[in-house]
Protein backbone atom coordinates (compact mmCIF):
# COMPACT_ATOMS: atom_id res chain seq x y z
CA MET A 1 12.02 -39.44 -32.48
CA SER A 2 15.63 -39.31 -31.35
CA LEU A 3 18.47 -38.11 -33.54
CA GLN A 4 20.02 -41.56 -33.27
CA GLU A 5 16.90 -43.14 -34.76
CA ILE A 6 16.91 -40.58 -37.54
CA VAL A 7 20.58 -41.29 -38.30
CA VAL A 8 19.71 -44.98 -38.62
CA MET A 9 17.06 -44.04 -41.19
CA ILE A 10 19.66 -42.06 -43.10
CA HIS A 11 22.09 -44.96 -43.09
CA ASP A 12 19.28 -47.18 -44.33
CA GLY A 13 18.68 -44.79 -47.23
CA GLU A 14 15.30 -43.57 -45.96
CA TYR A 15 16.09 -39.95 -46.74
CA GLY A 16 12.50 -38.77 -47.19
CA ARG A 17 11.44 -40.04 -43.77
CA ALA A 18 14.61 -38.68 -42.20
CA ILE A 19 14.05 -35.25 -43.76
CA ALA A 20 10.50 -35.08 -42.43
CA SER A 21 11.65 -36.00 -38.92
CA LEU A 22 14.62 -33.64 -39.00
CA GLU A 23 12.51 -30.71 -40.19
CA PHE A 24 10.22 -31.28 -37.22
CA GLU A 25 13.23 -31.42 -34.86
CA VAL A 26 14.89 -28.27 -36.20
CA LYS A 27 11.69 -26.27 -35.61
CA ASP A 28 11.45 -27.49 -32.00
CA GLU A 29 12.28 -24.43 -29.91
CA THR A 30 12.97 -26.61 -26.86
CA LYS A 31 16.08 -27.95 -28.62
CA THR A 32 19.37 -26.22 -27.93
CA PRO A 33 20.97 -24.24 -30.74
CA ALA A 34 23.66 -26.94 -30.99
CA GLN A 35 21.00 -29.63 -31.43
CA ARG A 36 19.22 -27.57 -34.07
CA VAL A 37 22.52 -26.98 -35.92
CA GLU A 38 23.16 -30.73 -35.88
CA CYS A 39 19.72 -31.37 -37.38
CA CYS A 40 20.42 -28.79 -40.09
CA LYS A 41 23.68 -30.53 -40.96
CA TRP A 42 21.89 -33.88 -41.29
CA LEU A 43 19.18 -32.24 -43.40
CA ALA A 44 21.85 -30.82 -45.68
CA GLU A 45 23.46 -34.24 -45.97
CA CYS A 46 20.17 -35.97 -46.80
CA ASN A 47 19.40 -33.44 -49.51
CA HIS A 48 22.91 -33.76 -50.87
CA ARG A 49 22.47 -37.53 -51.15
CA LEU A 50 19.25 -36.86 -53.06
CA ASP A 51 21.21 -34.51 -55.38
CA ASP A 52 19.13 -31.53 -54.24
CA TYR A 53 22.08 -29.20 -53.87
CA GLN A 54 19.94 -26.07 -53.57
CA GLU A 55 18.13 -27.44 -50.52
CA SER A 56 21.37 -28.82 -49.12
CA GLY A 57 22.93 -25.36 -49.26
CA ASN A 58 19.82 -23.84 -47.71
CA TRP A 59 20.12 -26.12 -44.68
CA TYR A 60 23.83 -25.37 -44.24
CA MET A 61 22.97 -21.67 -44.32
CA GLU A 62 20.18 -22.22 -41.78
CA ALA A 63 22.78 -23.79 -39.49
CA VAL A 64 24.99 -20.71 -39.97
CA ARG A 65 22.03 -18.44 -39.12
CA ILE A 66 21.45 -20.37 -35.89
CA ILE A 67 25.13 -20.06 -35.00
CA LEU A 68 25.15 -16.33 -35.71
CA SER A 69 22.11 -15.79 -33.51
CA GLY A 70 23.84 -17.46 -30.56
CA GLN A 71 25.17 -15.77 -27.48
CA VAL A 72 28.85 -16.56 -28.08
CA ASP A 73 31.80 -14.43 -29.12
CA GLY A 74 32.63 -13.62 -32.72
CA ARG A 75 35.60 -15.98 -32.95
CA THR A 76 33.48 -18.91 -31.85
CA LYS A 77 30.80 -17.99 -34.36
CA ALA A 78 33.45 -17.81 -37.08
CA ARG A 79 35.04 -21.11 -36.04
CA ASP A 80 31.71 -22.92 -36.03
CA GLY A 81 30.07 -21.15 -38.96
CA LEU A 82 32.84 -20.99 -41.57
CA PRO A 83 32.98 -24.72 -42.35
CA LEU A 84 29.20 -24.81 -42.78
CA CYS A 85 29.25 -21.71 -44.95
CA ASN A 86 31.88 -23.37 -47.14
CA MET A 87 29.68 -26.46 -47.43
CA ALA A 88 26.77 -24.22 -48.47
CA LEU A 89 28.93 -22.58 -51.12
CA GLU A 90 29.95 -25.97 -52.50
CA ALA A 91 26.34 -27.11 -52.62
CA TYR A 92 25.14 -23.91 -54.28
CA GLU A 93 27.92 -24.09 -56.86
CA LYS A 94 26.71 -27.59 -57.79
CA GLY A 95 23.04 -26.75 -58.02
CA GLY A 96 22.02 -23.42 -56.56
CA ASP A 97 21.50 -20.11 -58.23
CA SER A 98 23.92 -17.20 -58.45
CA THR A 99 22.07 -15.21 -55.79
CA ASP A 100 22.57 -17.98 -53.23
CA VAL A 101 26.27 -18.19 -54.10
CA LEU A 102 26.58 -14.42 -53.63
CA VAL A 103 24.76 -14.42 -50.29
CA ALA A 104 26.84 -17.34 -48.97
CA ALA A 105 30.04 -15.63 -50.12
CA ARG A 106 29.06 -12.44 -48.29
CA VAL A 107 28.24 -14.37 -45.12
CA LYS A 108 31.60 -16.10 -45.42
CA GLN A 109 33.34 -12.69 -45.63
CA TYR A 110 31.45 -11.60 -42.53
CA LEU A 111 32.48 -14.74 -40.66
CA VAL A 112 36.12 -14.30 -41.68
CA GLY A 113 35.94 -10.75 -40.28
CA LEU A 114 34.50 -12.05 -37.01
CA GLY A 115 37.37 -14.48 -36.67
CA LYS A 116 40.01 -11.77 -36.70
């Protein structure tokens, strides 16, 4: 299924179906890291709309992990990863546990250091 079709499902409020499709897509190793990050962001959004802030934060952090594993310079990783890390922190503060907040905060510090 294409990402466009999945986005239509999301806009139609079919979050469960969209999540199942996106989880399949994000595991597809033939996808580029950018495509997998995009799927993670949509997964985070779907879970946020379902008020599952823990899972939403988890998917933002998965996107950050994909970015950090990429073959780009530190500043690019910081530029791309910091906004997602901030979104994870916001989600965790709404419904995650203190350990997740701490981990996301530490990753954010790391990313800030990379950006210097």
